[in-house]
């Protein structure tokens, strides 16, 4: 039977028959729905971008987590276990991936969603934070919260610098230990200088300088310890090479955060305060988060 015959399928498809009209209506209604379901399922991310909250105890990590969840500051207690919440980028901050999207676009709203993971800052509980850095699949950035008043004191500065040194060293080893020439995805770090409302707090630029100097001392003392252990074992040069505990550029000299850019880690220092008599001021922190989304 030829296609132009009166009883052919092509003639029946264009004929004004009830069955033809019914099939056409079903296709018109169901095909767009099926395409929408398929495209939506494919483009929806399987996991939210995660931001790790890391820092010494009492720096304000949990307070910032509470502020992000409730949109209001509240007094908190020292954390003893990790705590994660699903948060939404506050109004007025546009995700970097959605600058050209309309606020009514569902993709724009999805781009504002993120996961905040608060880790305990006590020395014996910091393994929760280091465990997240072993395989940071969905980690989009690290917010290292610092008590800007505490780092003005030598003891508080030393504790903060040691923790920050270890975290940056873990990120450096992740980059240098990559098995591909391209290297792992960059994980930027924000040093959030908190409690700037206090009279004794250092401004952000002095927090940056103080931490760089303190990390230089930590780096020097750690290298000396490795060297001494190598001498005791009878293999000084091999021990130093195997430990690979030198943060930033090798050799002598002061440590600077800009050195971390060579190992895929940018470091920014921004000031703010979660709790305060005049309210919270963490605008610069949210601006940094929006840049990473």
C-alpha atoms as a PDB file:
ATOM      1  CA  UNK A   1       0.000   0.000   0.000  1.00  0.00           C
ATOM      2  CA  UNK A   2       1.489   3.326  -1.101  1.00  0.00           C
ATOM      3  CA  UNK A   3       1.665   6.297   1.287  1.00  0.00           C
ATOM      4  CA  UNK A   4      -0.716   8.304  -0.903  1.00  0.00           C
ATOM      5  CA  UNK A   5      -3.430   5.661  -0.929  1.00  0.00           C
ATOM      6  CA  UNK A   6      -6.717   6.456   0.700  1.00  0.00           C
ATOM      7  CA  UNK A   7      -6.278   3.776   3.370  1.00  0.00           C
ATOM      8  CA  UNK A   8      -2.584   4.525   4.137  1.00  0.00           C
ATOM      9  CA  UNK A   9      -1.396   5.519   7.660  1.00  0.00           C
ATOM     10  CA  UNK A  10      -0.265   8.966   6.465  1.00  0.00           C
ATOM     11  CA  UNK A  11      -3.680   9.750   5.040  1.00  0.00           C
ATOM     12  CA  UNK A  12      -5.296   8.563   8.286  1.00  0.00           C
ATOM     13  CA  UNK A  13      -2.937  10.748  10.365  1.00  0.00           C
ATOM     14  CA  UNK A  14      -4.136  13.895   8.624  1.00  0.00           C
ATOM     15  CA  UNK A  15      -7.754  12.891   8.284  1.00  0.00           C
ATOM     16  CA  UNK A  16     -10.380  14.572  10.528  1.00  0.00           C
ATOM     17  CA  UNK A  17     -10.944  11.406  12.586  1.00  0.00           C
ATOM     18  CA  UNK A  18     -11.772  11.321  16.296  1.00  0.00           C
ATOM     19  CA  UNK A  19      -8.897   8.947  17.065  1.00  0.00           C
ATOM     20  CA  UNK A  20      -6.401  11.212  15.306  1.00  0.00           C
ATOM     21  CA  UNK A  21      -7.599  14.272  17.239  1.00  0.00           C
ATOM     22  CA  UNK A  22      -7.432  12.375  20.556  1.00  0.00           C
ATOM     23  CA  UNK A  23      -3.865  11.160  19.944  1.00  0.00           C
ATOM     24  CA  UNK A  24      -2.754  14.656  18.925  1.00  0.00           C
ATOM     25  CA  UNK A  25      -4.224  16.208  22.066  1.00  0.00           C
ATOM     26  CA  UNK A  26      -2.503  13.636  24.264  1.00  0.00           C
ATOM     27  CA  UNK A  27       0.858  14.321  22.616  1.00  0.00           C
ATOM     28  CA  UNK A  28       0.434  18.087  22.956  1.00  0.00           C
ATOM     29  CA  UNK A  29      -0.357  17.808  26.662  1.00  0.00           C
ATOM     30  CA  UNK A  30       1.958  15.006  27.769  1.00  0.00           C
ATOM     31  CA  UNK A  31       5.127  15.715  25.769  1.00  0.00           C
ATOM     32  CA  UNK A  32       5.947  19.083  27.430  1.00  0.00           C
ATOM     33  CA  UNK A  33       5.310  17.564  30.870  1.00  0.00           C
ATOM     34  CA  UNK A  34       7.599  14.626  30.140  1.00  0.00           C
ATOM     35  CA  UNK A  35      10.363  16.908  28.847  1.00  0.00           C
ATOM     36  CA  UNK A  36      10.047  19.182  31.879  1.00  0.00           C
ATOM     37  CA  UNK A  37      10.317  16.267  34.297  1.00  0.00           C
ATOM     38  CA  UNK A  38      13.369  14.880  32.516  1.00  0.00           C
ATOM     39  CA  UNK A  39      15.242  18.197  32.280  1.00  0.00           C
ATOM     40  CA  UNK A  40      14.390  19.175  35.868  1.00  0.00           C
ATOM     41  CA  UNK A  41      15.639  15.847  37.199  1.00  0.00           C
ATOM     42  CA  UNK A  42      18.882  16.044  35.260  1.00  0.00           C
ATOM     43  CA  UNK A  43      19.737  19.629  36.203  1.00  0.00           C
ATOM     44  CA  UNK A  44      18.828  19.450  39.895  1.00  0.00           C
ATOM     45  CA  UNK A  45      22.038  19.046  41.952  1.00  0.00           C
ATOM     46  CA  UNK A  46      22.317  15.878  44.022  1.00  0.00           C
ATOM     47  CA  UNK A  47      23.896  17.697  46.979  1.00  0.00           C
ATOM     48  CA  UNK A  48      23.988  21.263  48.222  1.00  0.00           C
ATOM     49  CA  UNK A  49      27.244  23.248  48.188  1.00  0.00           C
ATOM     50  CA  UNK A  50      28.764  22.957  51.653  1.00  0.00           C
ATOM     51  CA  UNK A  51      30.623  25.593  53.656  1.00  0.00           C
ATOM     52  CA  UNK A  52      32.664  24.366  56.612  1.00  0.00           C
ATOM     53  CA  UNK A  53      32.706  26.463  59.778  1.00  0.00           C
ATOM     54  CA  UNK A  54      36.084  25.927  61.418  1.00  0.00           C
ATOM     55  CA  UNK A  55      37.865  27.744  64.226  1.00  0.00           C
ATOM     56  CA  UNK A  56      38.831  27.614  67.902  1.00  0.00           C
ATOM     57  CA  UNK A  57      36.231  27.269  70.636  1.00  0.00           C
ATOM     58  CA  UNK A  58      34.425  30.473  71.497  1.00  0.00           C
ATOM     59  CA  UNK A  59      35.147  32.173  68.191  1.00  0.00           C
ATOM     60  CA  UNK A  60      31.458  32.387  67.202  1.00  0.00           C
ATOM     61  CA  UNK A  61      30.941  29.535  64.710  1.00  0.00           C
ATOM     62  CA  UNK A  62      27.739  28.210  66.256  1.00  0.00           C
ATOM     63  CA  UNK A  63      26.411  31.743  66.732  1.00  0.00           C
ATOM     64  CA  UNK A  64      26.849  32.394  63.012  1.00  0.00           C
ATOM     65  CA  UNK A  65      25.165  29.068  62.224  1.00  0.00           C
ATOM     66  CA  UNK A  66      22.199  30.072  64.399  1.00  0.00           C
ATOM     67  CA  UNK A  67      22.049  33.488  62.744  1.00  0.00           C
ATOM     68  CA  UNK A  68      21.948  31.866  59.303  1.00  0.00           C
ATOM     69  CA  UNK A  69      19.166  29.492  60.354  1.00  0.00           C
ATOM     70  CA  UNK A  70      16.926  31.819  62.377  1.00  0.00           C
ATOM     71  CA  UNK A  71      17.842  35.195  60.849  1.00  0.00           C
ATOM     72  CA  UNK A  72      18.398  36.366  64.427  1.00  0.00           C
ATOM     73  CA  UNK A  73      21.416  36.203  66.726  1.00  0.00           C
ATOM     74  CA  UNK A  74      21.242  34.135  69.910  1.00  0.00           C
ATOM     75  CA  UNK A  75      23.532  33.023  72.705  1.00  0.00           C
ATOM     76  CA  UNK A  76      24.990  29.541  72.121  1.00  0.00           C
ATOM     77  CA  UNK A  77      26.974  26.882  73.958  1.00  0.00           C
ATOM     78  CA  UNK A  78      30.249  25.192  73.057  1.00  0.00           C
ATOM     79  CA  UNK A  79      29.722  22.514  70.423  1.00  0.00           C
ATOM     80  CA  UNK A  80      30.798  18.941  71.118  1.00  0.00           C
ATOM     81  CA  UNK A  81      29.630  17.401  67.827  1.00  0.00           C
ATOM     82  CA  UNK A  82      29.246  18.571  64.218  1.00  0.00           C
ATOM     83  CA  UNK A  83      26.023  20.330  63.365  1.00  0.00           C
ATOM     84  CA  UNK A  84      24.745  21.060  59.858  1.00  0.00           C
ATOM     85  CA  UNK A  85      21.815  23.139  58.645  1.00  0.00           C
ATOM     86  CA  UNK A  86      20.356  23.959  55.258  1.00  0.00           C
ATOM     87  CA  UNK A  87      20.440  27.727  54.851  1.00  0.00           C
ATOM     88  CA  UNK A  88      19.349  30.250  52.261  1.00  0.00           C
ATOM     89  CA  UNK A  89      21.498  33.133  51.094  1.00  0.00           C
ATOM     90  CA  UNK A  90      19.867  36.245  52.630  1.00  0.00           C
ATOM     91  CA  UNK A  91      17.926  38.656  50.456  1.00  0.00           C
ATOM     92  CA  UNK A  92      20.092  41.251  48.780  1.00  0.00           C
ATOM     93  CA  UNK A  93      22.950  38.844  48.012  1.00  0.00           C
ATOM     94  CA  UNK A  94      23.096  37.369  44.516  1.00  0.00           C
ATOM     95  CA  UNK A  95      24.901  34.049  43.917  1.00  0.00           C
ATOM     96  CA  UNK A  96      27.753  34.344  41.454  1.00  0.00           C
ATOM     97  CA  UNK A  97      26.195  31.640  39.266  1.00  0.00           C
ATOM     98  CA  UNK A  98      22.841  33.443  39.073  1.00  0.00           C
ATOM     99  CA  UNK A  99      23.751  37.035  38.216  1.00  0.00           C
ATOM    100  CA  UNK A 100      21.822  36.859  34.945  1.00  0.00           C
ATOM    101  CA  UNK A 101      18.796  34.995  36.267  1.00  0.00           C
ATOM    102  CA  UNK A 102      15.491  36.504  37.288  1.00  0.00           C
ATOM    103  CA  UNK A 103      14.557  36.233  40.987  1.00  0.00           C
ATOM    104  CA  UNK A 104      11.417  34.393  39.884  1.00  0.00           C
ATOM    105  CA  UNK A 105      13.419  31.694  38.118  1.00  0.00           C
ATOM    106  CA  UNK A 106      13.408  28.382  40.072  1.00  0.00           C
ATOM    107  CA  UNK A 107      17.097  27.953  39.212  1.00  0.00           C
ATOM    108  CA  UNK A 108      17.822  31.281  40.925  1.00  0.00           C
ATOM    109  CA  UNK A 109      16.197  30.075  44.134  1.00  0.00           C
ATOM    110  CA  UNK A 110      18.103  26.785  43.983  1.00  0.00           C
ATOM    111  CA  UNK A 111      21.380  28.675  43.589  1.00  0.00           C
ATOM    112  CA  UNK A 112      20.738  30.440  46.915  1.00  0.00           C
ATOM    113  CA  UNK A 113      20.593  27.198  48.888  1.00  0.00           C
ATOM    114  CA  UNK A 114      23.638  26.001  50.804  1.00  0.00           C
ATOM    115  CA  UNK A 115      24.686  23.752  53.653  1.00  0.00           C
ATOM    116  CA  UNK A 116      26.559  25.112  56.694  1.00  0.00           C
ATOM    117  CA  UNK A 117      28.527  22.539  58.681  1.00  0.00           C
ATOM    118  CA  UNK A 118      29.674  23.651  62.119  1.00  0.00           C
ATOM    119  CA  UNK A 119      32.629  21.706  63.561  1.00  0.00           C
ATOM    120  CA  UNK A 120      33.735  21.692  67.225  1.00  0.00           C
ATOM    121  CA  UNK A 121      36.721  23.896  67.980  1.00  0.00           C
ATOM    122  CA  UNK A 122      38.072  22.083  71.042  1.00  0.00           C
ATOM    123  CA  UNK A 123      41.520  20.623  70.482  1.00  0.00           C
ATOM    124  CA  UNK A 124      40.375  17.051  71.124  1.00  0.00           C
ATOM    125  CA  UNK A 125      37.417  17.356  68.752  1.00  0.00           C
ATOM    126  CA  UNK A 126      39.064  18.957  65.736  1.00  0.00           C
ATOM    127  CA  UNK A 127      39.266  15.609  63.961  1.00  0.00           C
ATOM    128  CA  UNK A 128      35.692  16.264  62.817  1.00  0.00           C
ATOM    129  CA  UNK A 129      36.979  19.189  60.754  1.00  0.00           C
ATOM    130  CA  UNK A 130      40.075  17.425  59.414  1.00  0.00           C
ATOM    131  CA  UNK A 131      37.936  14.441  58.370  1.00  0.00           C
ATOM    132  CA  UNK A 132      35.909  16.741  56.115  1.00  0.00           C
ATOM    133  CA  UNK A 133      39.109  17.842  54.351  1.00  0.00           C
ATOM    134  CA  UNK A 134      40.158  14.310  53.405  1.00  0.00           C
ATOM    135  CA  UNK A 135      37.574  14.078  50.618  1.00  0.00           C
ATOM    136  CA  UNK A 136      35.800  17.459  50.340  1.00  0.00           C
ATOM    137  CA  UNK A 137      33.532  16.473  47.438  1.00  0.00           C
ATOM    138  CA  UNK A 138      30.837  19.079  47.967  1.00  0.00           C
ATOM    139  CA  UNK A 139      32.821  21.630  49.997  1.00  0.00           C
ATOM    140  CA  UNK A 140      32.583  24.997  48.230  1.00  0.00           C
ATOM    141  CA  UNK A 141      34.511  27.007  50.819  1.00  0.00           C
ATOM    142  CA  UNK A 142      35.851  27.160  54.372  1.00  0.00           C
ATOM    143  CA  UNK A 143      34.905  29.873  56.851  1.00  0.00           C
ATOM    144  CA  UNK A 144      37.570  29.989  59.557  1.00  0.00           C
ATOM    145  CA  UNK A 145      36.024  32.031  62.367  1.00  0.00           C
ATOM    146  CA  UNK A 146      38.467  33.987  64.518  1.00  0.00           C
ATOM    147  CA  UNK A 147      37.877  35.880  67.744  1.00  0.00           C
ATOM    148  CA  UNK A 148      39.428  39.232  66.833  1.00  0.00           C
ATOM    149  CA  UNK A 149      39.693  40.143  70.522  1.00  0.00           C
ATOM    150  CA  UNK A 150      41.323  36.835  71.474  1.00  0.00           C
ATOM    151  CA  UNK A 151      44.086  37.087  68.854  1.00  0.00           C
ATOM    152  CA  UNK A 152      45.197  40.346  70.487  1.00  0.00           C
ATOM    153  CA  UNK A 153      46.408  38.116  73.327  1.00  0.00           C
ATOM    154  CA  UNK A 154      49.477  35.911  72.797  1.00  0.00           C
ATOM    155  CA  UNK A 155      47.839  32.706  74.030  1.00  0.00           C
ATOM    156  CA  UNK A 156      44.747  33.177  71.867  1.00  0.00           C
ATOM    157  CA  UNK A 157      46.871  34.089  68.850  1.00  0.00           C
ATOM    158  CA  UNK A 158      49.075  31.008  69.220  1.00  0.00           C
ATOM    159  CA  UNK A 159      46.096  28.638  69.484  1.00  0.00           C
ATOM    160  CA  UNK A 160      44.380  30.178  66.472  1.00  0.00           C
ATOM    161  CA  UNK A 161      47.568  30.198  64.380  1.00  0.00           C
ATOM    162  CA  UNK A 162      48.305  26.543  65.093  1.00  0.00           C
ATOM    163  CA  UNK A 163      44.813  25.467  64.091  1.00  0.00           C
ATOM    164  CA  UNK A 164      44.852  27.620  60.961  1.00  0.00           C
ATOM    165  CA  UNK A 165      48.326  26.307  60.067  1.00  0.00           C
ATOM    166  CA  UNK A 166      47.155  22.694  60.266  1.00  0.00           C
ATOM    167  CA  UNK A 167      44.060  23.408  58.182  1.00  0.00           C
ATOM    168  CA  UNK A 168      45.993  25.210  55.448  1.00  0.00           C
ATOM    169  CA  UNK A 169      48.623  22.466  55.447  1.00  0.00           C
ATOM    170  CA  UNK A 170      45.886  19.867  54.910  1.00  0.00           C
ATOM    171  CA  UNK A 171      44.620  21.844  51.904  1.00  0.00           C
ATOM    172  CA  UNK A 172      48.161  22.148  50.552  1.00  0.00           C
ATOM    173  CA  UNK A 173      48.775  18.398  50.860  1.00  0.00           C
ATOM    174  CA  UNK A 174      45.475  17.765  49.099  1.00  0.00           C
ATOM    175  CA  UNK A 175      46.729  19.844  46.172  1.00  0.00           C
ATOM    176  CA  UNK A 176      50.326  18.554  46.023  1.00  0.00           C
ATOM    177  CA  UNK A 177      49.149  14.964  46.458  1.00  0.00           C
ATOM    178  CA  UNK A 178      46.773  15.104  43.492  1.00  0.00           C
ATOM    179  CA  UNK A 179      47.286  12.316  40.975  1.00  0.00           C
ATOM    180  CA  UNK A 180      46.366  14.462  37.951  1.00  0.00           C
ATOM    181  CA  UNK A 181      48.215  17.430  36.478  1.00  0.00           C
ATOM    182  CA  UNK A 182      45.066  19.542  36.640  1.00  0.00           C
ATOM    183  CA  UNK A 183      44.899  19.335  40.422  1.00  0.00           C
ATOM    184  CA  UNK A 184      41.828  19.228  42.669  1.00  0.00           C
ATOM    185  CA  UNK A 185      39.128  21.875  42.662  1.00  0.00           C
ATOM    186  CA  UNK A 186      40.018  25.061  44.515  1.00  0.00           C
ATOM    187  CA  UNK A 187      38.646  25.479  48.034  1.00  0.00           C
ATOM    188  CA  UNK A 188      38.805  29.158  49.048  1.00  0.00           C
ATOM    189  CA  UNK A 189      39.158  30.165  52.695  1.00  0.00           C
ATOM    190  CA  UNK A 190      37.524  33.099  54.464  1.00  0.00           C
ATOM    191  CA  UNK A 191      39.074  34.169  57.747  1.00  0.00           C
ATOM    192  CA  UNK A 192      36.057  35.722  59.450  1.00  0.00           C
ATOM    193  CA  UNK A 193      37.352  38.119  62.090  1.00  0.00           C
ATOM    194  CA  UNK A 194      34.460  38.055  64.549  1.00  0.00           C
ATOM    195  CA  UNK A 195      33.579  40.251  67.567  1.00  0.00           C
ATOM    196  CA  UNK A 196      34.763  43.502  66.025  1.00  0.00           C
ATOM    197  CA  UNK A 197      32.215  45.276  68.214  1.00  0.00           C
ATOM    198  CA  UNK A 198      34.502  44.690  71.221  1.00  0.00           C
ATOM    199  CA  UNK A 199      36.902  47.482  72.183  1.00  0.00           C
ATOM    200  CA  UNK A 200      39.888  45.121  72.397  1.00  0.00           C
ATOM    201  CA  UNK A 201      39.298  43.519  68.988  1.00  0.00           C
ATOM    202  CA  UNK A 202      41.925  43.927  66.291  1.00  0.00           C
ATOM    203  CA  UNK A 203      40.815  45.308  62.900  1.00  0.00           C
ATOM    204  CA  UNK A 204      40.880  42.820  59.991  1.00  0.00           C
ATOM    205  CA  UNK A 205      44.186  44.015  58.509  1.00  0.00           C
ATOM    206  CA  UNK A 206      45.938  43.592  61.878  1.00  0.00           C
ATOM    207  CA  UNK A 207      44.327  40.175  62.315  1.00  0.00           C
ATOM    208  CA  UNK A 208      45.820  39.205  58.952  1.00  0.00           C
ATOM    209  CA  UNK A 209      49.300  40.485  59.842  1.00  0.00           C
ATOM    210  CA  UNK A 210      49.242  38.890  63.305  1.00  0.00           C
ATOM    211  CA  UNK A 211      48.168  35.503  61.965  1.00  0.00           C
ATOM    212  CA  UNK A 212      50.787  35.533  59.199  1.00  0.00           C
ATOM    213  CA  UNK A 213      53.535  36.253  61.736  1.00  0.00           C
ATOM    214  CA  UNK A 214      52.256  33.640  64.159  1.00  0.00           C
ATOM    215  CA  UNK A 215      51.961  31.003  61.421  1.00  0.00           C
ATOM    216  CA  UNK A 216      55.548  31.789  60.416  1.00  0.00           C
ATOM    217  CA  UNK A 217      56.612  30.922  63.966  1.00  0.00           C
ATOM    218  CA  UNK A 218      54.500  27.749  63.973  1.00  0.00           C
ATOM    219  CA  UNK A 219      56.011  26.754  60.650  1.00  0.00           C
ATOM    220  CA  UNK A 220      59.525  27.359  61.939  1.00  0.00           C
ATOM    221  CA  UNK A 221      59.010  25.393  65.150  1.00  0.00           C
ATOM    222  CA  UNK A 222      57.363  22.496  63.295  1.00  0.00           C
ATOM    223  CA  UNK A 223      60.229  22.343  60.787  1.00  0.00           C
ATOM    224  CA  UNK A 224      62.767  22.356  63.625  1.00  0.00           C
ATOM    225  CA  UNK A 225      60.933  19.504  65.319  1.00  0.00           C
ATOM    226  CA  UNK A 226      60.965  17.440  62.136  1.00  0.00           C
ATOM    227  CA  UNK A 227      64.629  18.196  61.614  1.00  0.00           C
ATOM    228  CA  UNK A 228      65.541  17.195  65.152  1.00  0.00           C
ATOM    229  CA  UNK A 229      63.615  13.944  64.834  1.00  0.00           C
ATOM    230  CA  UNK A 230      65.450  13.249  61.569  1.00  0.00           C
ATOM    231  CA  UNK A 231      68.819  13.735  63.277  1.00  0.00           C
ATOM    232  CA  UNK A 232      67.783  11.357  66.051  1.00  0.00           C
ATOM    233  CA  UNK A 233      66.806   8.733  63.481  1.00  0.00           C
ATOM    234  CA  UNK A 234      70.052   9.178  61.564  1.00  0.00           C
ATOM    235  CA  UNK A 235      68.494  10.453  58.328  1.00  0.00           C
ATOM    236  CA  UNK A 236      68.060  14.204  58.543  1.00  0.00           C
ATOM    237  CA  UNK A 237      67.471  15.075  54.885  1.00  0.00           C
ATOM    238  CA  UNK A 238      65.223  12.101  54.162  1.00  0.00           C
ATOM    239  CA  UNK A 239      63.088  12.780  57.230  1.00  0.00           C
ATOM    240  CA  UNK A 240      62.523  16.397  56.292  1.00  0.00           C
ATOM    241  CA  UNK A 241      61.558  15.465  52.718  1.00  0.00           C
ATOM    242  CA  UNK A 242      59.239  12.673  53.790  1.00  0.00           C
ATOM    243  CA  UNK A 243      57.353  14.737  56.359  1.00  0.00           C
ATOM    244  CA  UNK A 244      56.720  17.581  53.924  1.00  0.00           C
ATOM    245  CA  UNK A 245      55.480  19.789  56.762  1.00  0.00           C
ATOM    246  CA  UNK A 246      56.499  23.162  55.305  1.00  0.00           C
ATOM    247  CA  UNK A 247      53.508  25.382  54.644  1.00  0.00           C
ATOM    248  CA  UNK A 248      53.640  27.786  51.703  1.00  0.00           C
ATOM    249  CA  UNK A 249      56.841  28.532  49.825  1.00  0.00           C
ATOM    250  CA  UNK A 250      59.846  26.429  50.767  1.00  0.00           C
ATOM    251  CA  UNK A 251      63.022  27.821  52.269  1.00  0.00           C
ATOM    252  CA  UNK A 252      63.407  30.696  54.694  1.00  0.00           C
ATOM    253  CA  UNK A 253      61.207  33.749  54.910  1.00  0.00           C
ATOM    254  CA  UNK A 254      57.934  34.907  56.374  1.00  0.00           C
ATOM    255  CA  UNK A 255      54.652  33.212  55.603  1.00  0.00           C
ATOM    256  CA  UNK A 256      51.977  35.155  53.728  1.00  0.00           C
ATOM    257  CA  UNK A 257      48.461  34.049  52.840  1.00  0.00           C
ATOM    258  CA  UNK A 258      49.066  34.895  49.171  1.00  0.00           C
ATOM    259  CA  UNK A 259      51.483  31.941  49.017  1.00  0.00           C
ATOM    260  CA  UNK A 260      48.509  29.605  49.294  1.00  0.00           C
ATOM    261  CA  UNK A 261      47.286  30.678  45.852  1.00  0.00           C
ATOM    262  CA  UNK A 262      50.015  28.500  44.337  1.00  0.00           C
ATOM    263  CA  UNK A 263      48.337  25.424  45.813  1.00  0.00           C
ATOM    264  CA  UNK A 264      44.806  26.330  44.729  1.00  0.00           C
ATOM    265  CA  UNK A 265      43.681  28.082  47.921  1.00  0.00           C
ATOM    266  CA  UNK A 266      42.804  31.760  48.062  1.00  0.00           C
ATOM    267  CA  UNK A 267      42.597  33.315  51.530  1.00  0.00           C
ATOM    268  CA  UNK A 268      40.553  36.404  52.358  1.00  0.00           C
ATOM    269  CA  UNK A 269      40.190  38.209  55.697  1.00  0.00           C
ATOM    270  CA  UNK A 270      36.898  39.984  56.440  1.00  0.00           C
ATOM    271  CA  UNK A 271      35.655  41.520  59.663  1.00  0.00           C
ATOM    272  CA  UNK A 272      32.247  41.414  61.304  1.00  0.00           C
ATOM    273  CA  UNK A 273      30.343  40.533  64.442  1.00  0.00           C
ATOM    274  CA  UNK A 274      27.552  38.023  64.992  1.00  0.00           C
ATOM    275  CA  UNK A 275      26.491  39.260  68.435  1.00  0.00           C
ATOM    276  CA  UNK A 276      26.563  42.891  69.472  1.00  0.00           C
ATOM    277  CA  UNK A 277      24.678  45.629  71.170  1.00  0.00           C
ATOM    278  CA  UNK A 278      23.792  47.229  67.850  1.00  0.00           C
ATOM    279  CA  UNK A 279      22.948  43.957  66.131  1.00  0.00           C
ATOM    280  CA  UNK A 280      24.795  41.619  63.799  1.00  0.00           C
ATOM    281  CA  UNK A 281      27.071  42.797  61.003  1.00  0.00           C
ATOM    282  CA  UNK A 282      28.228  39.931  58.791  1.00  0.00           C
ATOM    283  CA  UNK A 283      27.578  41.550  55.416  1.00  0.00           C
ATOM    284  CA  UNK A 284      31.096  40.973  54.099  1.00  0.00           C
ATOM    285  CA  UNK A 285      30.895  37.270  55.036  1.00  0.00           C
ATOM    286  CA  UNK A 286      27.684  36.734  53.089  1.00  0.00           C
ATOM    287  CA  UNK A 287      29.160  38.635  50.128  1.00  0.00           C
ATOM    288  CA  UNK A 288      32.067  36.191  50.130  1.00  0.00           C
ATOM    289  CA  UNK A 289      29.701  33.201  50.313  1.00  0.00           C
ATOM    290  CA  UNK A 290      27.658  34.608  47.402  1.00  0.00           C
ATOM    291  CA  UNK A 291      30.846  34.809  45.305  1.00  0.00           C
ATOM    292  CA  UNK A 292      31.450  31.089  45.823  1.00  0.00           C
ATOM    293  CA  UNK A 293      27.899  29.970  44.934  1.00  0.00           C
END
